[in-house]
């Protein structure tokens, strides 16, 4: 097990009123912080996706739109 993960697992849990993102910002130099911020944050959508026409989207298409929105701009070679 990597040392960084072992250290994290032995830390006490944060309190319920503490912001997890603040915890990870404080530990921002770690690879675990990069993963936590990338995979554990809530996906924000623009009004374009969640407009009144959203009800016409199937859940599969909505998930596909969210996935495409997560891809870095460099992926598209624009």
PDB file of N, CA and C in Angstrom:
ATOM      1  N   UNK A   1       0.849  -1.170   0.000  1.00  0.00           N
ATOM      2  CA  UNK A   1       0.000   0.000   0.000  1.00  0.00           C
ATOM      3  C   UNK A   1       0.902   1.242   0.000  1.00  0.00           C
ATOM      4  N   UNK A   2       0.623   2.213  -0.869  1.00  0.00           N
ATOM      5  CA  UNK A   2       1.440   3.425  -0.895  1.00  0.00           C
ATOM      6  C   UNK A   2       1.410   4.165   0.448  1.00  0.00           C
ATOM      7  N   UNK A   3       2.526   4.774   0.790  1.00  0.00           N
ATOM      8  CA  UNK A   3       2.662   5.479   2.064  1.00  0.00           C
ATOM      9  C   UNK A   3       1.600   6.567   2.232  1.00  0.00           C
ATOM     10  N   UNK A   4       1.317   7.273   1.166  1.00  0.00           N
ATOM     11  CA  UNK A   4       0.329   8.353   1.218  1.00  0.00           C
ATOM     12  C   UNK A   4      -1.059   7.829   1.608  1.00  0.00           C
ATOM     13  N   UNK A   5      -1.454   6.709   1.048  1.00  0.00           N
ATOM     14  CA  UNK A   5      -2.745   6.111   1.368  1.00  0.00           C
ATOM     15  C   UNK A   5      -2.761   5.607   2.814  1.00  0.00           C
ATOM     16  N   UNK A   6      -1.685   4.994   3.233  1.00  0.00           N
ATOM     17  CA  UNK A   6      -1.594   4.498   4.610  1.00  0.00           C
ATOM     18  C   UNK A   6      -1.730   5.651   5.602  1.00  0.00           C
ATOM     19  N   UNK A   7      -1.060   6.778   5.309  1.00  0.00           N
ATOM     20  CA  UNK A   7      -1.149   7.948   6.176  1.00  0.00           C
ATOM     21  C   UNK A   7      -2.589   8.457   6.248  1.00  0.00           C
ATOM     22  N   UNK A   8      -3.253   8.551   5.101  1.00  0.00           N
ATOM     23  CA  UNK A   8      -4.638   9.028   5.051  1.00  0.00           C
ATOM     24  C   UNK A   8      -5.575   8.120   5.850  1.00  0.00           C
ATOM     25  N   UNK A   9      -5.424   6.823   5.708  1.00  0.00           N
ATOM     26  CA  UNK A   9      -6.302   5.876   6.392  1.00  0.00           C
ATOM     27  C   UNK A   9      -6.133   5.895   7.908  1.00  0.00           C
ATOM     28  N   UNK A  10      -4.976   6.377   8.383  1.00  0.00           N
ATOM     29  CA  UNK A  10      -4.752   6.440   9.832  1.00  0.00           C
ATOM     30  C   UNK A  10      -5.137   7.796  10.419  1.00  0.00           C
ATOM     31  N   UNK A  11      -5.540   8.745   9.602  1.00  0.00           N
ATOM     32  CA  UNK A  11      -5.989  10.033  10.123  1.00  0.00           C
ATOM     33  C   UNK A  11      -7.403   9.896  10.682  1.00  0.00           C
ATOM     34  N   UNK A  12      -7.737  10.708  11.694  1.00  0.00           N
ATOM     35  CA  UNK A  12      -9.115  10.667  12.204  1.00  0.00           C
ATOM     36  C   UNK A  12     -10.068  11.265  11.169  1.00  0.00           C
ATOM     37  N   UNK A  13     -11.314  10.817  11.132  1.00  0.00           N
ATOM     38  CA  UNK A  13     -12.267  11.381  10.173  1.00  0.00           C
ATOM     39  C   UNK A  13     -12.574  12.847  10.503  1.00  0.00           C
ATOM     40  N   UNK A  14     -12.929  13.602   9.490  1.00  0.00           N
ATOM     41  CA  UNK A  14     -13.300  14.994   9.727  1.00  0.00           C
ATOM     42  C   UNK A  14     -14.687  15.041  10.356  1.00  0.00           C
ATOM     43  N   UNK A  15     -14.988  16.141  11.023  1.00  0.00           N
ATOM     44  CA  UNK A  15     -16.303  16.265  11.667  1.00  0.00           C
ATOM     45  C   UNK A  15     -17.388  16.496  10.619  1.00  0.00           C
ATOM     46  N   UNK A  16     -18.612  16.276  10.992  1.00  0.00           N
ATOM     47  CA  UNK A  16     -19.739  16.418  10.068  1.00  0.00           C
ATOM     48  C   UNK A  16     -19.936  17.854   9.598  1.00  0.00           C
ATOM     49  N   UNK A  17     -19.520  18.824  10.390  1.00  0.00           N
ATOM     50  CA  UNK A  17     -19.703  20.216   9.982  1.00  0.00           C
ATOM     51  C   UNK A  17     -18.493  20.776   9.241  1.00  0.00           C
ATOM     52  N   UNK A  18     -17.501  19.957   8.995  1.00  0.00           N
ATOM     53  CA  UNK A  18     -16.312  20.380   8.242  1.00  0.00           C
ATOM     54  C   UNK A  18     -16.520  20.096   6.758  1.00  0.00           C
ATOM     55  N   UNK A  19     -16.040  20.990   5.915  1.00  0.00           N
ATOM     56  CA  UNK A  19     -16.190  20.869   4.467  1.00  0.00           C
ATOM     57  C   UNK A  19     -15.132  19.917   3.912  1.00  0.00           C
ATOM     58  N   UNK A  20     -15.532  18.806   3.292  1.00  0.00           N
ATOM     59  CA  UNK A  20     -14.547  17.861   2.742  1.00  0.00           C
ATOM     60  C   UNK A  20     -13.649  18.499   1.679  1.00  0.00           C
ATOM     61  N   UNK A  21     -14.196  19.420   0.884  1.00  0.00           N
ATOM     62  CA  UNK A  21     -13.363  20.057  -0.134  1.00  0.00           C
ATOM     63  C   UNK A  21     -12.267  20.914   0.489  1.00  0.00           C
ATOM     64  N   UNK A  22     -12.573  21.540   1.618  1.00  0.00           N
ATOM     65  CA  UNK A  22     -11.537  22.313   2.324  1.00  0.00           C
ATOM     66  C   UNK A  22     -10.427  21.379   2.821  1.00  0.00           C
ATOM     67  N   UNK A  23     -10.820  20.203   3.295  1.00  0.00           N
ATOM     68  CA  UNK A  23      -9.832  19.221   3.725  1.00  0.00           C
ATOM     69  C   UNK A  23      -8.900  18.869   2.571  1.00  0.00           C
ATOM     70  N   UNK A  24      -9.483  18.590   1.398  1.00  0.00           N
ATOM     71  CA  UNK A  24      -8.667  18.183   0.263  1.00  0.00           C
ATOM     72  C   UNK A  24      -7.864  19.348  -0.305  1.00  0.00           C
ATOM     73  N   UNK A  25      -8.375  20.578  -0.200  1.00  0.00           N
ATOM     74  CA  UNK A  25      -7.591  21.743  -0.632  1.00  0.00           C
ATOM     75  C   UNK A  25      -6.365  21.914   0.254  1.00  0.00           C
ATOM     76  N   UNK A  26      -6.527  21.649   1.545  1.00  0.00           N
ATOM     77  CA  UNK A  26      -5.404  21.725   2.481  1.00  0.00           C
ATOM     78  C   UNK A  26      -4.347  20.674   2.141  1.00  0.00           C
ATOM     79  N   UNK A  27      -4.787  19.516   1.669  1.00  0.00           N
ATOM     80  CA  UNK A  27      -3.889  18.423   1.285  1.00  0.00           C
ATOM     81  C   UNK A  27      -3.698  18.385  -0.231  1.00  0.00           C
ATOM     82  N   UNK A  28      -3.724  19.532  -0.867  1.00  0.00           N
ATOM     83  CA  UNK A  28      -3.753  19.596  -2.329  1.00  0.00           C
ATOM     84  C   UNK A  28      -2.492  19.079  -3.011  1.00  0.00           C
ATOM     85  N   UNK A  29      -1.409  18.928  -2.282  1.00  0.00           N
ATOM     86  CA  UNK A  29      -0.187  18.444  -2.925  1.00  0.00           C
ATOM     87  C   UNK A  29      -0.179  16.916  -3.072  1.00  0.00           C
ATOM     88  N   UNK A  30      -1.178  16.250  -2.552  1.00  0.00           N
ATOM     89  CA  UNK A  30      -1.179  14.792  -2.611  1.00  0.00           C
ATOM     90  C   UNK A  30      -1.913  14.276  -3.845  1.00  0.00           C
ATOM     91  N   UNK A  31      -1.536  13.112  -4.277  1.00  0.00           N
ATOM     92  CA  UNK A  31      -2.232  12.460  -5.394  1.00  0.00           C
ATOM     93  C   UNK A  31      -3.646  12.067  -4.994  1.00  0.00           C
ATOM     94  N   UNK A  32      -3.835  11.728  -3.725  1.00  0.00           N
ATOM     95  CA  UNK A  32      -5.180  11.400  -3.248  1.00  0.00           C
ATOM     96  C   UNK A  32      -6.102  12.606  -3.361  1.00  0.00           C
ATOM     97  N   UNK A  33      -5.591  13.793  -3.088  1.00  0.00           N
ATOM     98  CA  UNK A  33      -6.407  15.008  -3.205  1.00  0.00           C
ATOM     99  C   UNK A  33      -6.847  15.209  -4.644  1.00  0.00           C
ATOM    100  N   UNK A  34      -5.940  15.007  -5.580  1.00  0.00           N
ATOM    101  CA  UNK A  34      -6.292  15.133  -6.999  1.00  0.00           C
ATOM    102  C   UNK A  34      -7.431  14.178  -7.356  1.00  0.00           C
ATOM    103  N   UNK A  35      -7.338  12.945  -6.898  1.00  0.00           N
ATOM    104  CA  UNK A  35      -8.383  11.958  -7.181  1.00  0.00           C
ATOM    105  C   UNK A  35      -9.691  12.312  -6.489  1.00  0.00           C
ATOM    106  N   UNK A  36      -9.616  12.733  -5.235  1.00  0.00           N
ATOM    107  CA  UNK A  36     -10.829  13.066  -4.486  1.00  0.00           C
ATOM    108  C   UNK A  36     -11.564  14.231  -5.135  1.00  0.00           C
ATOM    109  N   UNK A  37     -10.831  15.266  -5.499  1.00  0.00           N
ATOM    110  CA  UNK A  37     -11.471  16.427  -6.099  1.00  0.00           C
ATOM    111  C   UNK A  37     -12.051  16.076  -7.455  1.00  0.00           C
ATOM    112  N   UNK A  38     -11.355  15.246  -8.197  1.00  0.00           N
ATOM    113  CA  UNK A  38     -11.846  14.889  -9.529  1.00  0.00           C
ATOM    114  C   UNK A  38     -13.079  13.987  -9.494  1.00  0.00           C
ATOM    115  N   UNK A  39     -13.069  12.986  -8.613  1.00  0.00           N
ATOM    116  CA  UNK A  39     -14.119  11.973  -8.647  1.00  0.00           C
ATOM    117  C   UNK A  39     -15.209  12.123  -7.586  1.00  0.00           C
ATOM    118  N   UNK A  40     -14.988  12.903  -6.560  1.00  0.00           N
ATOM    119  CA  UNK A  40     -15.970  12.980  -5.491  1.00  0.00           C
ATOM    120  C   UNK A  40     -16.772  14.275  -5.474  1.00  0.00           C
ATOM    121  N   UNK A  41     -16.503  15.170  -6.398  1.00  0.00           N
ATOM    122  CA  UNK A  41     -17.273  16.413  -6.426  1.00  0.00           C
ATOM    123  C   UNK A  41     -18.547  16.214  -7.227  1.00  0.00           C
ATOM    124  N   UNK A  42     -19.533  17.020  -6.933  1.00  0.00           N
ATOM    125  CA  UNK A  42     -20.818  16.955  -7.627  1.00  0.00           C
ATOM    126  C   UNK A  42     -20.670  17.634  -8.981  1.00  0.00           C
ATOM    127  N   UNK A  43     -21.227  17.031  -9.995  1.00  0.00           N
ATOM    128  CA  UNK A  43     -21.154  17.583 -11.338  1.00  0.00           C
ATOM    129  C   UNK A  43     -22.158  18.718 -11.459  1.00  0.00           C
ATOM    130  N   UNK A  44     -21.666  19.877 -11.832  1.00  0.00           N
ATOM    131  CA  UNK A  44     -22.553  21.010 -12.077  1.00  0.00           C
ATOM    132  C   UNK A  44     -22.906  21.021 -13.559  1.00  0.00           C
ATOM    133  N   UNK A  45     -24.162  21.260 -13.863  1.00  0.00           N
ATOM    134  CA  UNK A  45     -24.580  21.308 -15.257  1.00  0.00           C
ATOM    135  C   UNK A  45     -25.026  22.708 -15.598  1.00  0.00           C
ATOM    136  N   UNK A  46     -24.894  23.050 -16.836  1.00  0.00           N
ATOM    137  CA  UNK A  46     -25.329  24.370 -17.277  1.00  0.00           C
ATOM    138  C   UNK A  46     -26.825  24.357 -17.518  1.00  0.00           C
ATOM    139  N   UNK A  47     -27.396  25.538 -17.669  1.00  0.00           N
ATOM    140  CA  UNK A  47     -28.818  25.640 -17.960  1.00  0.00           C
ATOM    141  C   UNK A  47     -29.170  24.982 -19.277  1.00  0.00           C
ATOM    142  N   UNK A  48     -28.188  24.875 -20.174  1.00  0.00           N
ATOM    143  CA  UNK A  48     -28.440  24.249 -21.470  1.00  0.00           C
ATOM    144  C   UNK A  48     -28.891  22.806 -21.296  1.00  0.00           C
ATOM    145  N   UNK A  49     -28.251  22.083 -20.401  1.00  0.00           N
ATOM    146  CA  UNK A  49     -28.601  20.677 -20.191  1.00  0.00           C
ATOM    147  C   UNK A  49     -29.843  20.546 -19.325  1.00  0.00           C
ATOM    148  N   UNK A  50     -29.995  21.420 -18.339  1.00  0.00           N
ATOM    149  CA  UNK A  50     -31.094  21.263 -17.386  1.00  0.00           C
ATOM    150  C   UNK A  50     -32.233  22.252 -17.642  1.00  0.00           C
ATOM    151  N   UNK A  51     -32.463  22.579 -18.871  1.00  0.00           N
ATOM    152  CA  UNK A  51     -33.556  23.482 -19.199  1.00  0.00           C
ATOM    153  C   UNK A  51     -34.892  22.750 -19.092  1.00  0.00           C
ATOM    154  N   UNK A  52     -35.983  23.452 -19.438  1.00  0.00           N
ATOM    155  CA  UNK A  52     -37.294  22.801 -19.339  1.00  0.00           C
ATOM    156  C   UNK A  52     -37.417  21.637 -20.311  1.00  0.00           C
ATOM    157  N   UNK A  53     -36.555  21.576 -21.332  1.00  0.00           N
ATOM    158  CA  UNK A  53     -36.570  20.454 -22.267  1.00  0.00           C
ATOM    159  C   UNK A  53     -35.852  19.231 -21.703  1.00  0.00           C
ATOM    160  N   UNK A  54     -35.251  19.377 -20.534  1.00  0.00           N
ATOM    161  CA  UNK A  54     -34.523  18.263 -19.941  1.00  0.00           C
ATOM    162  C   UNK A  54     -35.427  17.053 -19.768  1.00  0.00           C
ATOM    163  N   UNK A  55     -36.675  17.277 -19.487  1.00  0.00           N
ATOM    164  CA  UNK A  55     -37.583  16.153 -19.266  1.00  0.00           C
ATOM    165  C   UNK A  55     -37.720  15.289 -20.513  1.00  0.00           C
ATOM    166  N   UNK A  56     -37.320  15.825 -21.655  1.00  0.00           N
ATOM    167  CA  UNK A  56     -37.376  15.042 -22.886  1.00  0.00           C
ATOM    168  C   UNK A  56     -36.162  14.138 -23.054  1.00  0.00           C
ATOM    169  N   UNK A  57     -35.126  14.381 -22.248  1.00  0.00           N
ATOM    170  CA  UNK A  57     -33.930  13.548 -22.333  1.00  0.00           C
ATOM    171  C   UNK A  57     -34.144  12.247 -21.572  1.00  0.00           C
ATOM    172  N   UNK A  58     -33.684  11.175 -22.159  1.00  0.00           N
ATOM    173  CA  UNK A  58     -33.682   9.925 -21.402  1.00  0.00           C
ATOM    174  C   UNK A  58     -32.534   9.989 -20.412  1.00  0.00           C
ATOM    175  N   UNK A  59     -32.575   9.175 -19.397  1.00  0.00           N
ATOM    176  CA  UNK A  59     -31.492   9.195 -18.413  1.00  0.00           C
ATOM    177  C   UNK A  59     -30.163   8.807 -19.062  1.00  0.00           C
ATOM    178  N   UNK A  60     -30.205   7.903 -20.035  1.00  0.00           N
ATOM    179  CA  UNK A  60     -28.980   7.495 -20.728  1.00  0.00           C
ATOM    180  C   UNK A  60     -28.362   8.676 -21.473  1.00  0.00           C
ATOM    181  N   UNK A  61     -29.181   9.442 -22.186  1.00  0.00           N
ATOM    182  CA  UNK A  61     -28.654  10.590 -22.926  1.00  0.00           C
ATOM    183  C   UNK A  61     -28.171  11.689 -21.978  1.00  0.00           C
ATOM    184  N   UNK A  62     -28.859  11.867 -20.872  1.00  0.00           N
ATOM    185  CA  UNK A  62     -28.424  12.855 -19.889  1.00  0.00           C
ATOM    186  C   UNK A  62     -27.060  12.475 -19.332  1.00  0.00           C
ATOM    187  N   UNK A  63     -26.857  11.208 -19.015  1.00  0.00           N
ATOM    188  CA  UNK A  63     -25.560  10.742 -18.514  1.00  0.00           C
ATOM    189  C   UNK A  63     -24.476  10.910 -19.574  1.00  0.00           C
ATOM    190  N   UNK A  64     -24.809  10.679 -20.823  1.00  0.00           N
ATOM    191  CA  UNK A  64     -23.839  10.871 -21.904  1.00  0.00           C
ATOM    192  C   UNK A  64     -23.439  12.341 -22.030  1.00  0.00           C
ATOM    193  N   UNK A  65     -24.405  13.240 -21.900  1.00  0.00           N
ATOM    194  CA  UNK A  65     -24.090  14.664 -21.943  1.00  0.00           C
ATOM    195  C   UNK A  65     -23.181  15.075 -20.790  1.00  0.00           C
ATOM    196  N   UNK A  66     -23.453  14.549 -19.607  1.00  0.00           N
ATOM    197  CA  UNK A  66     -22.596  14.849 -18.469  1.00  0.00           C
ATOM    198  C   UNK A  66     -21.187  14.316 -18.690  1.00  0.00           C
ATOM    199  N   UNK A  67     -21.072  13.121 -19.229  1.00  0.00           N
ATOM    200  CA  UNK A  67     -19.762  12.542 -19.504  1.00  0.00           C
ATOM    201  C   UNK A  67     -18.993  13.404 -20.503  1.00  0.00           C
ATOM    202  N   UNK A  68     -19.643  13.784 -21.579  1.00  0.00           N
ATOM    203  CA  UNK A  68     -18.978  14.602 -22.592  1.00  0.00           C
ATOM    204  C   UNK A  68     -18.548  15.949 -22.021  1.00  0.00           C
ATOM    205  N   UNK A  69     -19.336  16.468 -21.108  1.00  0.00           N
ATOM    206  CA  UNK A  69     -19.003  17.737 -20.475  1.00  0.00           C
ATOM    207  C   UNK A  69     -17.761  17.621 -19.594  1.00  0.00           C
ATOM    208  N   UNK A  70     -17.469  16.432 -19.092  1.00  0.00           N
ATOM    209  CA  UNK A  70     -16.303  16.223 -18.228  1.00  0.00           C
ATOM    210  C   UNK A  70     -14.996  16.088 -18.999  1.00  0.00           C
ATOM    211  N   UNK A  71     -15.067  15.785 -20.275  1.00  0.00           N
ATOM    212  CA  UNK A  71     -13.842  15.593 -21.049  1.00  0.00           C
ATOM    213  C   UNK A  71     -13.090  16.911 -21.190  1.00  0.00           C
ATOM    214  N   UNK A  72     -11.777  16.883 -21.051  1.00  0.00           N
ATOM    215  CA  UNK A  72     -11.012  18.121 -21.205  1.00  0.00           C
ATOM    216  C   UNK A  72     -11.090  18.622 -22.640  1.00  0.00           C
ATOM    217  N   UNK A  73     -10.964  19.932 -22.804  1.00  0.00           N
ATOM    218  CA  UNK A  73     -11.077  20.549 -24.121  1.00  0.00           C
ATOM    219  C   UNK A  73      -9.985  20.016 -25.059  1.00  0.00           C
ATOM    220  N   UNK A  74      -8.853  19.638 -24.505  1.00  0.00           N
ATOM    221  CA  UNK A  74      -7.747  19.125 -25.327  1.00  0.00           C
ATOM    222  C   UNK A  74      -8.127  17.808 -26.014  1.00  0.00           C
ATOM    223  N   UNK A  75      -9.081  17.086 -25.448  1.00  0.00           N
ATOM    224  CA  UNK A  75      -9.520  15.833 -26.030  1.00  0.00           C
ATOM    225  C   UNK A  75     -10.181  16.060 -27.399  1.00  0.00           C
ATOM    226  N   UNK A  76     -10.821  17.193 -27.542  1.00  0.00           N
ATOM    227  CA  UNK A  76     -11.577  17.484 -28.764  1.00  0.00           C
ATOM    228  C   UNK A  76     -10.703  18.016 -29.895  1.00  0.00           C
ATOM    229  N   UNK A  77      -9.447  18.343 -29.618  1.00  0.00           N
ATOM    230  CA  UNK A  77      -8.521  18.881 -30.642  1.00  0.00           C
ATOM    231  C   UNK A  77      -9.115  20.091 -31.368  1.00  0.00           C
ATOM    232  N   UNK A  78      -9.683  21.006 -30.620  1.00  0.00           N
ATOM    233  CA  UNK A  78     -10.283  22.205 -31.224  1.00  0.00           C
ATOM    234  C   UNK A  78      -9.250  23.296 -31.373  1.00  0.00           C
TER     235      UNK A  78
END
